[in-house]
C-alpha atoms as a PDB file:
ATOM      1  CA  MET A   1      15.452 -14.276  20.783  1.00  0.00           C
ATOM      2  CA  ILE A   2      12.468 -15.230  22.691  1.00  0.00           C
ATOM      3  CA  ILE A   3      12.372 -16.895  26.151  1.00  0.00           C
ATOM      4  CA  SER A   4       9.730 -19.641  26.979  1.00  0.00           C
ATOM      5  CA  MET A   5       8.893 -20.031  30.830  1.00  0.00           C
ATOM      6  CA  ARG A   6       8.437 -22.967  32.218  1.00  0.00           C
ATOM      7  CA  GLN A   7       4.883 -23.687  32.892  1.00  0.00           C
ATOM      8  CA  HIS A   8       3.006 -21.850  35.925  1.00  0.00           C
ATOM      9  CA  ALA A   9       6.087 -19.817  36.454  1.00  0.00           C
ATOM     10  CA  THR A  10       5.329 -17.259  39.231  1.00  0.00           C
ATOM     11  CA  LYS A  11       5.106 -13.273  38.404  1.00  0.00           C
ATOM     12  CA  GLU A  12       8.262 -12.442  40.688  1.00  0.00           C
ATOM     13  CA  GLU A  13       9.991 -15.289  38.269  1.00  0.00           C
ATOM     14  CA  ILE A  14       8.483 -13.526  34.816  1.00  0.00           C
ATOM     15  CA  GLU A  15       9.670 -10.211  36.298  1.00  0.00           C
ATOM     16  CA  HIS A  16      13.070 -10.828  37.257  1.00  0.00           C
ATOM     17  CA  VAL A  17      13.731 -12.281  33.853  1.00  0.00           C
ATOM     18  CA  CYS A  18      12.366  -9.066  32.274  1.00  0.00           C
ATOM     19  CA  ASP A  19      14.799  -7.177  34.954  1.00  0.00           C
ATOM     20  CA  ARG A  20      17.877  -9.096  33.326  1.00  0.00           C
ATOM     21  CA  ILE A  21      16.836  -8.845  29.950  1.00  0.00           C
ATOM     22  CA  VAL A  22      16.542  -4.839  30.426  1.00  0.00           C
ATOM     23  CA  ASN A  23      19.120  -4.216  32.991  1.00  0.00           C
ATOM     24  CA  ASP A  24      21.629  -6.759  32.450  1.00  0.00           C
ATOM     25  CA  PHE A  25      22.101  -6.550  28.566  1.00  0.00           C
ATOM     26  CA  GLY A  26      20.087  -3.694  27.261  1.00  0.00           C
ATOM     27  CA  TYR A  27      17.308  -5.549  25.503  1.00  0.00           C
ATOM     28  CA  LYS A  28      13.843  -4.268  25.023  1.00  0.00           C
ATOM     29  CA  VAL A  29      10.961  -6.752  25.938  1.00  0.00           C
ATOM     30  CA  HIS A  30       7.652  -7.502  24.845  1.00  0.00           C
ATOM     31  CA  SER A  31       5.801 -10.156  26.801  1.00  0.00           C
ATOM     32  CA  ILE A  32       2.954 -12.516  25.636  1.00  0.00           C
ATOM     33  CA  VAL A  33       0.502 -14.580  28.391  1.00  0.00           C
ATOM     34  CA  GLY A  34      -0.940 -17.844  26.945  1.00  0.00           C
ATOM     35  CA  GLU A  35      -3.169 -20.030  28.892  1.00  0.00           C
ATOM     36  CA  GLU A  36      -0.061 -22.129  30.506  1.00  0.00           C
ATOM     37  CA  ARG A  37       3.063 -20.488  29.811  1.00  0.00           C
ATOM     38  CA  VAL A  38       4.379 -16.542  29.368  1.00  0.00           C
ATOM     39  CA  VAL A  39       6.689 -16.163  26.147  1.00  0.00           C
ATOM     40  CA  ILE A  40       8.768 -12.992  25.945  1.00  0.00           C
ATOM     41  CA  GLY A  41      10.346 -11.434  23.078  1.00  0.00           C
ATOM     42  CA  VAL A  42      13.682  -9.734  23.248  1.00  0.00           C
ATOM     43  CA  VAL A  43      14.630  -6.886  20.812  1.00  0.00           C
ATOM     44  CA  GLY A  44      17.899  -5.458  20.442  1.00  0.00           C
ATOM     45  CA  VAL A  45      21.521  -5.183  19.471  1.00  0.00           C
ATOM     46  CA  GLY A  46      24.168  -7.168  21.515  1.00  0.00           C
ATOM     47  CA  ASP A  47      25.747 -10.536  22.709  1.00  0.00           C
ATOM     48  CA  VAL A  48      23.193 -13.064  21.995  1.00  0.00           C
ATOM     49  CA  THR A  49      25.083 -15.888  23.041  1.00  0.00           C
ATOM     50  CA  GLN A  50      25.816 -14.604  25.973  1.00  0.00           C
ATOM     51  CA  CYS A  51      22.691 -13.444  27.028  1.00  0.00           C
ATOM     52  CA  LEU A  52      20.704 -16.770  25.728  1.00  0.00           C
ATOM     53  CA  GLU A  53      23.235 -18.806  28.073  1.00  0.00           C
ATOM     54  CA  SER A  54      22.977 -16.769  31.034  1.00  0.00           C
ATOM     55  CA  LEU A  55      18.894 -16.320  30.772  1.00  0.00           C
ATOM     56  CA  GLU A  56      18.901 -20.252  30.312  1.00  0.00           C
ATOM     57  CA  ALA A  57      20.392 -20.425  33.867  1.00  0.00           C
ATOM     58  CA  THR A  58      17.725 -18.430  35.249  1.00  0.00           C
ATOM     59  CA  PRO A  59      15.130 -19.414  37.656  1.00  0.00           C
ATOM     60  CA  GLY A  60      11.373 -19.856  35.841  1.00  0.00           C
ATOM     61  CA  VAL A  61      13.025 -20.317  32.495  1.00  0.00           C
ATOM     62  CA  GLU A  62      12.532 -23.220  30.514  1.00  0.00           C
ATOM     63  CA  ARG A  63      14.191 -22.295  27.258  1.00  0.00           C
ATOM     64  CA  ALA A  64      16.078 -19.144  25.405  1.00  0.00           C
ATOM     65  CA  MET A  65      16.357 -19.388  21.829  1.00  0.00           C
ATOM     66  CA  ARG A  66      17.540 -16.894  18.958  1.00  0.00           C
ATOM     67  CA  ILE A  67      14.954 -16.215  16.293  1.00  0.00           C
ATOM     68  CA  SER A  68      16.288 -16.584  12.518  1.00  0.00           C
ATOM     69  CA  ALA A  69      13.394 -14.918  11.077  1.00  0.00           C
ATOM     70  CA  PRO A  70      14.310 -10.750  10.696  1.00  0.00           C
ATOM     71  CA  TYR A  71      10.980 -10.484  11.893  1.00  0.00           C
ATOM     72  CA  LYS A  72      10.303 -11.198  15.298  1.00  0.00           C
ATOM     73  CA  PHE A  73       7.323 -10.800  17.090  1.00  0.00           C
ATOM     74  CA  VAL A  74       5.131 -11.921  14.009  1.00  0.00           C
ATOM     75  CA  SER A  75       7.304 -14.571  13.744  1.00  0.00           C
ATOM     76  CA  LYS A  76       6.097 -18.437  14.609  1.00  0.00           C
ATOM     77  CA  GLU A  77       9.091 -18.551  16.184  1.00  0.00           C
ATOM     78  CA  PHE A  78       8.102 -15.790  18.620  1.00  0.00           C
ATOM     79  CA  GLN A  79       4.470 -17.121  19.013  1.00  0.00           C
ATOM     80  CA  LYS A  80       3.523 -20.525  17.968  1.00  0.00           C
ATOM     81  CA  ASP A  81      -0.108 -20.309  18.899  1.00  0.00           C
ATOM     82  CA  ARG A  82      -2.385 -18.526  16.655  1.00  0.00           C
ATOM     83  CA  SER A  83      -3.644 -14.947  17.498  1.00  0.00           C
ATOM     84  CA  ARG A  84      -6.993 -14.128  17.934  1.00  0.00           C
ATOM     85  CA  ILE A  85      -8.053 -10.600  17.205  1.00  0.00           C
ATOM     86  CA  ALA A  86     -10.786  -9.304  19.451  1.00  0.00           C
ATOM     87  CA  VAL A  87     -13.212  -6.768  17.135  1.00  0.00           C
ATOM     88  CA  ARG A  88     -16.287  -5.488  19.116  1.00  0.00           C
ATOM     89  CA  ASN A  89     -17.924  -9.025  19.914  1.00  0.00           C
ATOM     90  CA  LEU A  90     -15.969 -11.021  17.150  1.00  0.00           C
ATOM     91  CA  GLU A  91     -12.455 -12.810  16.668  1.00  0.00           C
ATOM     92  CA  ILE A  92     -10.647 -12.710  13.535  1.00  0.00           C
ATOM     93  CA  GLY A  93      -8.399 -15.696  13.658  1.00  0.00           C
ATOM     94  CA  GLY A  94     -10.401 -17.607  16.038  1.00  0.00           C
ATOM     95  CA  ASP A  95     -13.201 -20.445  15.827  1.00  0.00           C
ATOM     96  CA  GLU A  96     -15.654 -18.458  13.351  1.00  0.00           C
ATOM     97  CA  PHE A  97     -14.846 -17.558   9.695  1.00  0.00           C
ATOM     98  CA  ILE A  98     -15.454 -14.141   9.360  1.00  0.00           C
ATOM     99  CA  VAL A  99     -16.457 -11.858   5.801  1.00  0.00           C
ATOM    100  CA  MET A 100     -16.432  -8.190   5.573  1.00  0.00           C
ATOM    101  CA  ALA A 101     -18.222  -6.846   2.851  1.00  0.00           C
ATOM    102  CA  GLY A 102     -19.368  -3.332   1.585  1.00  0.00           C
ATOM    103  CA  PRO A 103     -18.469  -0.770  -0.820  1.00  0.00           C
ATOM    104  CA  CYS A 104     -15.478   0.436  -2.060  1.00  0.00           C
ATOM    105  CA  SER A 105     -16.326   4.128  -0.994  1.00  0.00           C
ATOM    106  CA  VAL A 106     -19.128   5.517   1.150  1.00  0.00           C
ATOM    107  CA  GLU A 107     -20.989   7.536  -1.583  1.00  0.00           C
ATOM    108  CA  SER A 108     -24.451   8.381   0.334  1.00  0.00           C
ATOM    109  CA  GLU A 109     -26.097   7.885   3.408  1.00  0.00           C
ATOM    110  CA  LYS A 110     -28.890   5.817   1.409  1.00  0.00           C
ATOM    111  CA  GLN A 111     -25.921   3.768  -0.433  1.00  0.00           C
ATOM    112  CA  ILE A 112     -24.167   3.015   3.149  1.00  0.00           C
ATOM    113  CA  MET A 113     -27.054   2.171   4.898  1.00  0.00           C
ATOM    114  CA  GLU A 114     -28.695  -0.363   2.208  1.00  0.00           C
ATOM    115  CA  SER A 115     -25.082  -1.860   1.755  1.00  0.00           C
ATOM    116  CA  ALA A 116     -24.640  -2.226   5.463  1.00  0.00           C
ATOM    117  CA  GLU A 117     -27.968  -3.863   5.972  1.00  0.00           C
ATOM    118  CA  GLY A 118     -27.817  -5.794   2.982  1.00  0.00           C
ATOM    119  CA  VAL A 119     -24.643  -7.435   3.660  1.00  0.00           C
ATOM    120  CA  ALA A 120     -25.697  -8.193   7.548  1.00  0.00           C
ATOM    121  CA  ALA A 121     -28.676  -9.812   6.370  1.00  0.00           C
ATOM    122  CA  ALA A 122     -26.545 -12.119   4.379  1.00  0.00           C
ATOM    123  CA  GLY A 123     -24.171 -12.909   7.108  1.00  0.00           C
ATOM    124  CA  ALA A 124     -21.590 -10.482   6.831  1.00  0.00           C
ATOM    125  CA  LYS A 125     -19.889  -9.251  10.327  1.00  0.00           C
ATOM    126  CA  ILE A 126     -17.918  -6.422   9.664  1.00  0.00           C
ATOM    127  CA  LEU A 127     -19.132  -3.559   7.070  1.00  0.00           C
ATOM    128  CA  ARG A 128     -16.018  -2.020   4.849  1.00  0.00           C
ATOM    129  CA  GLY A 129     -16.312   1.395   3.202  1.00  0.00           C
ATOM    130  CA  GLY A 130     -13.992   3.854   2.229  1.00  0.00           C
ATOM    131  CA  ALA A 131     -13.747   7.291   3.822  1.00  0.00           C
ATOM    132  CA  PHE A 132     -10.712   8.379   2.472  1.00  0.00           C
ATOM    133  CA  LYS A 133      -9.879   6.999  -0.875  1.00  0.00           C
ATOM    134  CA  PRO A 134      -6.377   6.868  -2.485  1.00  0.00           C
ATOM    135  CA  ARG A 135      -6.774   6.825  -6.228  1.00  0.00           C
ATOM    136  CA  THR A 136      -4.345   7.104  -8.849  1.00  0.00           C
ATOM    137  CA  SER A 137      -5.911   9.768 -10.849  1.00  0.00           C
ATOM    138  CA  PRO A 138      -5.510  13.152  -8.259  1.00  0.00           C
ATOM    139  CA  TYR A 139      -9.016  14.090 -10.184  1.00  0.00           C
ATOM    140  CA  ASP A 140     -11.101  11.194  -9.237  1.00  0.00           C
ATOM    141  CA  PHE A 141     -13.213  10.711  -6.207  1.00  0.00           C
ATOM    142  CA  GLN A 142     -10.957  11.004  -3.097  1.00  0.00           C
ATOM    143  CA  GLY A 143     -13.912  10.046  -0.617  1.00  0.00           C
ATOM    144  CA  MET A 144     -16.162  11.718   1.690  1.00  0.00           C
ATOM    145  CA  GLU A 145     -13.249  12.343   4.591  1.00  0.00           C
ATOM    146  CA  GLY A 146     -14.964  12.798   8.027  1.00  0.00           C
ATOM    147  CA  ALA A 147     -18.392  13.148   6.631  1.00  0.00           C
ATOM    148  CA  GLY A 148     -18.271   9.191   5.398  1.00  0.00           C
ATOM    149  CA  LEU A 149     -16.775   8.062   8.685  1.00  0.00           C
ATOM    150  CA  LYS A 150     -19.730   9.630  10.443  1.00  0.00           C
ATOM    151  CA  LEU A 151     -22.215   7.686   8.144  1.00  0.00           C
ATOM    152  CA  LEU A 152     -20.027   4.506   8.600  1.00  0.00           C
ATOM    153  CA  ALA A 153     -20.441   5.146  12.461  1.00  0.00           C
ATOM    154  CA  LYS A 154     -24.501   5.436  11.818  1.00  0.00           C
ATOM    155  CA  ALA A 155     -24.754   2.095  10.244  1.00  0.00           C
ATOM    156  CA  ARG A 156     -22.663   0.394  12.696  1.00  0.00           C
ATOM    157  CA  GLU A 157     -25.663   1.949  15.130  1.00  0.00           C
ATOM    158  CA  ALA A 158     -28.589   0.556  13.017  1.00  0.00           C
ATOM    159  CA  THR A 159     -27.043  -2.741  12.112  1.00  0.00           C
ATOM    160  CA  GLY A 160     -24.372  -4.078  14.810  1.00  0.00           C
ATOM    161  CA  LEU A 161     -21.640  -4.422  12.359  1.00  0.00           C
ATOM    162  CA  ALA A 162     -17.965  -3.502  12.910  1.00  0.00           C
ATOM    163  CA  ILE A 163     -16.472  -1.069  10.465  1.00  0.00           C
ATOM    164  CA  ILE A 164     -13.381  -1.088   8.887  1.00  0.00           C
ATOM    165  CA  THR A 165     -12.459   1.532   6.563  1.00  0.00           C
ATOM    166  CA  GLU A 166      -8.965   2.730   5.317  1.00  0.00           C
ATOM    167  CA  ILE A 167      -6.636   4.991   6.893  1.00  0.00           C
ATOM    168  CA  MET A 168      -3.876   6.860   4.402  1.00  0.00           C
ATOM    169  CA  SER A 169      -1.860   9.501   6.737  1.00  0.00           C
ATOM    170  CA  ASP A 170      -0.807   9.162  10.335  1.00  0.00           C
ATOM    171  CA  ALA A 171      -1.861  12.452  10.701  1.00  0.00           C
ATOM    172  CA  ASP A 172      -5.566  10.814  10.374  1.00  0.00           C
ATOM    173  CA  VAL A 173      -5.044   8.495  12.811  1.00  0.00           C
ATOM    174  CA  GLY A 174      -6.692   9.688  15.825  1.00  0.00           C
ATOM    175  CA  LEU A 175      -9.566  11.243  13.669  1.00  0.00           C
ATOM    176  CA  VAL A 176     -10.035   7.555  11.689  1.00  0.00           C
ATOM    177  CA  ALA A 177      -9.554   5.558  15.502  1.00  0.00           C
ATOM    178  CA  GLU A 178     -12.687   7.635  16.810  1.00  0.00           C
ATOM    179  CA  TYR A 179     -15.233   5.739  14.166  1.00  0.00           C
ATOM    180  CA  ALA A 180     -13.139   2.599  13.217  1.00  0.00           C
ATOM    181  CA  ASP A 181     -13.043  -0.909  14.829  1.00  0.00           C
ATOM    182  CA  ILE A 182     -10.328  -1.799  12.227  1.00  0.00           C
ATOM    183  CA  MET A 183      -8.074   0.444  10.905  1.00  0.00           C
ATOM    184  CA  GLN A 184      -7.113  -0.335   7.346  1.00  0.00           C
ATOM    185  CA  VAL A 185      -3.666  -0.114   5.418  1.00  0.00           C
ATOM    186  CA  GLY A 186      -3.974   0.067   1.829  1.00  0.00           C
ATOM    187  CA  ALA A 187      -1.642  -1.496  -0.211  1.00  0.00           C
ATOM    188  CA  ARG A 188       0.175   1.748  -1.674  1.00  0.00           C
ATOM    189  CA  ASN A 189       0.521   2.349   2.046  1.00  0.00           C
ATOM    190  CA  MET A 190       2.296  -0.972   3.445  1.00  0.00           C
ATOM    191  CA  GLN A 191       5.709   0.512   3.717  1.00  0.00           C
ATOM    192  CA  ASN A 192       4.539   4.186   5.158  1.00  0.00           C
ATOM    193  CA  PHE A 193       6.374   3.537   8.164  1.00  0.00           C
ATOM    194  CA  ALA A 194       5.098   7.044   9.597  1.00  0.00           C
ATOM    195  CA  LEU A 195       1.577   5.353   9.456  1.00  0.00           C
ATOM    196  CA  LEU A 196       2.569   1.884  10.613  1.00  0.00           C
ATOM    197  CA  LYS A 197       4.477   3.375  13.481  1.00  0.00           C
ATOM    198  CA  SER A 198       1.141   5.476  14.800  1.00  0.00           C
ATOM    199  CA  LEU A 199      -0.927   2.346  14.324  1.00  0.00           C
ATOM    200  CA  GLY A 200       1.210   0.625  16.914  1.00  0.00           C
ATOM    201  CA  ARG A 201       0.273   3.439  19.039  1.00  0.00           C
ATOM    202  CA  CYS A 202      -3.235   4.058  17.897  1.00  0.00           C
ATOM    203  CA  GLY A 203      -5.198   1.070  19.925  1.00  0.00           C
ATOM    204  CA  ARG A 204      -7.116  -0.154  17.088  1.00  0.00           C
ATOM    205  CA  PRO A 205      -6.543  -3.711  15.019  1.00  0.00           C
ATOM    206  CA  VAL A 206      -5.058  -3.315  11.995  1.00  0.00           C
ATOM    207  CA  MET A 207      -5.574  -5.015   8.367  1.00  0.00           C
ATOM    208  CA  LEU A 208      -2.173  -4.473   6.645  1.00  0.00           C
ATOM    209  CA  LYS A 209      -2.758  -5.127   3.006  1.00  0.00           C
ATOM    210  CA  ARG A 210       0.329  -6.373   0.596  1.00  0.00           C
ATOM    211  CA  GLY A 211       1.523  -3.930  -1.323  1.00  0.00           C
ATOM    212  CA  LEU A 212       1.062  -4.256  -5.361  1.00  0.00           C
ATOM    213  CA  SER A 213       4.899  -5.503  -5.763  1.00  0.00           C
ATOM    214  CA  SER A 214       5.543  -6.571  -2.348  1.00  0.00           C
ATOM    215  CA  THR A 215       7.565 -10.045  -1.128  1.00  0.00           C
ATOM    216  CA  ILE A 216       5.996 -11.849   1.821  1.00  0.00           C
ATOM    217  CA  LYS A 217       8.735 -11.097   3.687  1.00  0.00           C
ATOM    218  CA  GLU A 218       8.168  -7.246   3.199  1.00  0.00           C
ATOM    219  CA  LEU A 219       4.471  -7.467   3.798  1.00  0.00           C
ATOM    220  CA  LEU A 220       5.829  -8.941   7.237  1.00  0.00           C
ATOM    221  CA  MET A 221       8.550  -6.725   7.930  1.00  0.00           C
ATOM    222  CA  SER A 222       5.719  -3.728   7.749  1.00  0.00           C
ATOM    223  CA  ALA A 223       3.580  -5.887  10.053  1.00  0.00           C
ATOM    224  CA  GLU A 224       6.822  -6.046  12.355  1.00  0.00           C
ATOM    225  CA  TYR A 225       6.568  -1.791  12.640  1.00  0.00           C
ATOM    226  CA  ILE A 226       3.425  -1.967  13.993  1.00  0.00           C
ATOM    227  CA  VAL A 227       3.898  -4.907  16.268  1.00  0.00           C
ATOM    228  CA  ALA A 228       7.032  -3.522  17.618  1.00  0.00           C
ATOM    229  CA  HIS A 229       5.751   0.135  18.324  1.00  0.00           C
ATOM    230  CA  GLY A 230       3.025  -1.725  21.078  1.00  0.00           C
ATOM    231  CA  ASN A 231       0.142  -3.271  19.076  1.00  0.00           C
ATOM    232  CA  PRO A 232       0.038  -6.967  18.354  1.00  0.00           C
ATOM    233  CA  ASN A 233      -3.504  -6.900  16.927  1.00  0.00           C
ATOM    234  CA  VAL A 234      -2.541  -7.228  13.395  1.00  0.00           C
ATOM    235  CA  MET A 235      -4.005  -9.033  10.569  1.00  0.00           C
ATOM    236  CA  LEU A 236      -2.564  -9.585   6.931  1.00  0.00           C
ATOM    237  CA  CYS A 237      -4.491  -9.230   3.795  1.00  0.00           C
ATOM    238  CA  GLU A 238      -3.242 -10.980   0.218  1.00  0.00           C
ATOM    239  CA  ARG A 239      -5.124  -8.401  -2.196  1.00  0.00           C
ATOM    240  CA  GLY A 240      -3.258  -9.468  -5.520  1.00  0.00           C
ATOM    241  CA  ILE A 241       0.194  -8.313  -6.850  1.00  0.00           C
ATOM    242  CA  ARG A 242       1.414  -7.052  -9.997  1.00  0.00           C
ATOM    243  CA  THR A 243       2.488  -9.217 -12.525  1.00  0.00           C
ATOM    244  CA  PHE A 244       2.618  -9.612 -16.288  1.00  0.00           C
ATOM    245  CA  GLU A 245      -0.854 -10.949 -16.408  1.00  0.00           C
ATOM    246  CA  THR A 246      -3.433  -8.938 -17.579  1.00  0.00           C
ATOM    247  CA  ALA A 247      -6.569 -11.157 -17.916  1.00  0.00           C
ATOM    248  CA  THR A 248      -7.219 -10.183 -13.883  1.00  0.00           C
ATOM    249  CA  ARG A 249      -6.631  -6.739 -12.420  1.00  0.00           C
ATOM    250  CA  ASN A 250      -4.154  -8.119 -10.129  1.00  0.00           C
ATOM    251  CA  THR A 251      -2.843 -11.459  -9.838  1.00  0.00           C
ATOM    252  CA  CYS A 252      -3.979 -13.176  -6.685  1.00  0.00           C
ATOM    253  CA  ASP A 253      -1.578 -14.881  -4.653  1.00  0.00           C
ATOM    254  CA  ILE A 254      -3.610 -17.828  -3.373  1.00  0.00           C
ATOM    255  CA  SER A 255      -0.450 -19.675  -2.286  1.00  0.00           C
ATOM    256  CA  ALA A 256       0.414 -16.689  -0.123  1.00  0.00           C
ATOM    257  CA  VAL A 257      -2.699 -17.917   2.616  1.00  0.00           C
ATOM    258  CA  PRO A 258      -0.673 -21.531   3.492  1.00  0.00           C
ATOM    259  CA  VAL A 259       2.813 -19.767   3.129  1.00  0.00           C
ATOM    260  CA  LEU A 260       1.877 -16.884   5.795  1.00  0.00           C
ATOM    261  CA  ASN A 261      -0.040 -19.542   8.262  1.00  0.00           C
ATOM    262  CA  GLU A 262       3.401 -21.381   8.218  1.00  0.00           C
ATOM    263  CA  LEU A 263       5.476 -18.303   8.807  1.00  0.00           C
ATOM    264  CA  THR A 264       3.247 -16.221  11.336  1.00  0.00           C
ATOM    265  CA  HIS A 265       0.962 -16.506  13.816  1.00  0.00           C
ATOM    266  CA  LEU A 266      -1.172 -13.197  12.201  1.00  0.00           C
ATOM    267  CA  PRO A 267      -4.338 -14.180  11.086  1.00  0.00           C
ATOM    268  CA  VAL A 268      -4.797 -14.180   7.324  1.00  0.00           C
ATOM    269  CA  VAL A 269      -7.506 -12.498   5.139  1.00  0.00           C
ATOM    270  CA  LEU A 270      -7.879 -12.869   1.394  1.00  0.00           C
ATOM    271  CA  ASP A 271      -9.395  -9.476  -0.755  1.00  0.00           C
ATOM    272  CA  PRO A 272     -10.746 -11.590  -3.909  1.00  0.00           C
ATOM    273  CA  SER A 273     -12.463  -8.403  -5.270  1.00  0.00           C
ATOM    274  CA  HIS A 274      -9.044  -6.406  -5.924  1.00  0.00           C
ATOM    275  CA  ALA A 275      -7.225  -9.869  -6.867  1.00  0.00           C
ATOM    276  CA  ALA A 276      -9.679 -10.059  -9.408  1.00  0.00           C
ATOM    277  CA  GLY A 277     -10.817  -7.043 -10.766  1.00  0.00           C
ATOM    278  CA  LYS A 278     -13.919  -8.562 -11.878  1.00  0.00           C
ATOM    279  CA  ARG A 279     -17.129  -9.786  -9.902  1.00  0.00           C
ATOM    280  CA  SER A 280     -17.456 -13.022 -12.007  1.00  0.00           C
ATOM    281  CA  LEU A 281     -14.237 -14.484 -10.232  1.00  0.00           C
ATOM    282  CA  VAL A 282     -15.125 -13.236  -6.556  1.00  0.00           C
ATOM    283  CA  PRO A 283     -17.135 -15.814  -5.380  1.00  0.00           C
ATOM    284  CA  PRO A 284     -14.434 -19.128  -6.581  1.00  0.00           C
ATOM    285  CA  LEU A 285     -11.735 -17.233  -5.056  1.00  0.00           C
ATOM    286  CA  SER A 286     -14.008 -16.737  -2.059  1.00  0.00           C
ATOM    287  CA  ARG A 287     -14.553 -20.642  -1.777  1.00  0.00           C
ATOM    288  CA  ALA A 288     -10.680 -20.985  -2.470  1.00  0.00           C
ATOM    289  CA  ALA A 289      -9.785 -18.664   0.349  1.00  0.00           C
ATOM    290  CA  VAL A 290     -11.902 -20.881   2.715  1.00  0.00           C
ATOM    291  CA  ALA A 291     -10.526 -24.126   1.733  1.00  0.00           C
ATOM    292  CA  ILE A 292      -6.790 -23.231   1.562  1.00  0.00           C
ATOM    293  CA  GLY A 293      -7.320 -21.737   5.365  1.00  0.00           C
ATOM    294  CA  ALA A 294      -7.582 -18.018   5.318  1.00  0.00           C
ATOM    295  CA  ASP A 295      -9.357 -16.850   8.786  1.00  0.00           C
ATOM    296  CA  ALA A 296     -11.278 -14.027   7.000  1.00  0.00           C
ATOM    297  CA  LEU A 297     -12.520 -12.544   3.368  1.00  0.00           C
ATOM    298  CA  ILE A 298     -13.081  -8.748   2.500  1.00  0.00           C
ATOM    299  CA  VAL A 299     -15.208  -8.382  -0.682  1.00  0.00           C
ATOM    300  CA  GLU A 300     -16.766  -5.412  -2.033  1.00  0.00           C
ATOM    301  CA  VAL A 301     -20.558  -5.330  -2.780  1.00  0.00           C
ATOM    302  CA  HIS A 302     -22.874  -2.109  -3.699  1.00  0.00           C
ATOM    303  CA  PRO A 303     -26.488  -1.936  -3.964  1.00  0.00           C
ATOM    304  CA  ASN A 304     -25.941  -0.696  -7.603  1.00  0.00           C
ATOM    305  CA  PRO A 305     -22.838  -1.553  -9.165  1.00  0.00           C
ATOM    306  CA  GLU A 306     -23.325   0.149 -12.279  1.00  0.00           C
ATOM    307  CA  LYS A 307     -23.396   3.397 -10.565  1.00  0.00           C
ATOM    308  CA  ALA A 308     -20.714   2.909  -8.044  1.00  0.00           C
ATOM    309  CA  ILE A 309     -18.061   6.001  -7.884  1.00  0.00           C
ATOM    310  CA  SER A 310     -14.929   3.349  -7.907  1.00  0.00           C
ATOM    311  CA  ASP A 311     -14.740  -0.196  -7.941  1.00  0.00           C
ATOM    312  CA  GLY A 312     -18.268  -1.021  -9.742  1.00  0.00           C
ATOM    313  CA  ALA A 313     -16.770  -3.606 -12.114  1.00  0.00           C
ATOM    314  CA  GLN A 314     -15.593  -5.877  -8.894  1.00  0.00           C
ATOM    315  CA  SER A 315     -18.359  -5.154  -6.636  1.00  0.00           C
ATOM    316  CA  LEU A 316     -21.186  -7.621  -6.154  1.00  0.00           C
ATOM    317  CA  THR A 317     -24.763  -6.916  -5.872  1.00  0.00           C
ATOM    318  CA  VAL A 318     -26.297  -7.285  -2.548  1.00  0.00           C
ATOM    319  CA  GLU A 319     -28.150 -10.317  -4.245  1.00  0.00           C
ATOM    320  CA  GLN A 320     -25.024 -12.031  -5.897  1.00  0.00           C
ATOM    321  CA  PHE A 321     -23.146 -11.753  -1.835  1.00  0.00           C
ATOM    322  CA  ARG A 322     -26.237 -13.455  -0.468  1.00  0.00           C
ATOM    323  CA  ARG A 323     -26.048 -16.333  -3.133  1.00  0.00           C
ATOM    324  CA  MET A 324     -22.001 -16.442  -2.301  1.00  0.00           C
ATOM    325  CA  MET A 325     -22.401 -16.513   1.276  1.00  0.00           C
ATOM    326  CA  GLU A 326     -24.710 -19.557   0.630  1.00  0.00           C
ATOM    327  CA  ASP A 327     -22.656 -21.147  -1.631  1.00  0.00           C
ATOM    328  CA  LEU A 328     -19.731 -20.825   1.291  1.00  0.00           C
ATOM    329  CA  LYS A 329     -21.765 -22.719   3.724  1.00  0.00           C
ATOM    330  CA  PRO A 330     -19.849 -26.327   3.164  1.00  0.00           C
ATOM    331  CA  TYR A 331     -16.576 -24.808   2.838  1.00  0.00           C
ATOM    332  CA  VAL A 332     -16.861 -22.957   6.173  1.00  0.00           C
ATOM    333  CA  ALA A 333     -18.560 -26.026   7.643  1.00  0.00           C
ATOM    334  CA  LEU A 334     -15.378 -27.900   6.534  1.00  0.00           C
ATOM    335  CA  TRP A 335     -13.343 -24.824   7.881  1.00  0.00           C
ATOM    336  CA  ASN A 336     -14.732 -25.297  11.432  1.00  0.00           C
ATOM    337  CA  GLU A 337     -13.935 -28.969  11.358  1.00  0.00           C
ATOM    338  CA  SER A 338     -10.441 -28.292  10.713  1.00  0.00           C
ATOM    339  CA  ARG A 339      -9.938 -25.671  13.642  1.00  0.00           C
ATOM    340  CA  VAL A 340     -11.327 -28.110  16.050  1.00  0.00           C
ATOM    341  CA  GLY A 341      -8.551 -28.331  18.547  1.00  0.00           C
ATOM    342  CA  GLU A 342      -6.045 -26.090  17.565  1.00  0.00           C
ATOM    343  CA  PRO A 343      -4.407 -23.676  19.820  1.00  0.00           C
ATOM    344  CA  ALA A 344      -4.733 -19.935  19.391  1.00  0.00           C
ATOM    345  CA  LEU A 345      -3.609 -16.997  21.831  1.00  0.00           C
ATOM    346  CA  VAL A 346      -6.133 -14.069  22.313  1.00  0.00           C
ATOM    347  CA  GLY A 347      -4.016 -11.012  21.248  1.00  0.00           C
END
């Protein structure tokens, strides 16, 4: 359930309500402080009807309501206003359309530095690069691991770009969090619940990718794990799902973007590279993402895709990325106009 406090409710009234929820009814509380009011999320098992009726009569409470969705904290029933996720000097979900770009894997210092400098010059704000790589074959390149993380940090220092990189195991959360500004959960780990719980305690923003055959509800339930364990700074990524179609690597479920915008306050990211698997399809899917209301893009870019160790076929060259960013400008201008006046809540 959620408890909406009256506008300008006092600190004492808010604390009294939280105390009653915990001590009188045995629930857990999670508060979101907005510009005008406080909303309190309530999670647990018990007599919801009695709790709702009692709390609505408590001073400072405007409304107490049950949340019907199985995901509580990430639901728009819990938080109507869009969340903004602070990443260094950026906000994802805010008033700027954000583009993340870089190679699938960190391969060498020269490669990652060329990638970082190229995407930064073209207008990207965040550098992507895999130090730990989940691969279908155990014989494929698995990433540079710790050495790759250090190279990403060096690229950040040189360019000012924030860093997003994939985390594969709960055992590596502490190490990756030392270097990454955003922790990326890949499609194969969307329901790695031990990892999700650890990310709830890691203190870093998380980008959660939709699983290969996962429903939107399952994606939101996975996000709920992270938020329920203490980390509200989660963004959701549509990266294509597995269907019968073979013309593309995956099927880009572009409708997932507006559906998620209706169901959750979390920012939504589109990954056109993994969705299509073909570099020629990345620019049109990127334009579609802006037009349909995504908050950000994550795109694979490599200085020399022909020699890329992984995902070369779907990686743009730096020049192709620059042209795509130019082509996106009129779409982003319309996106900016659509965001004027929209409420948002900083996470």
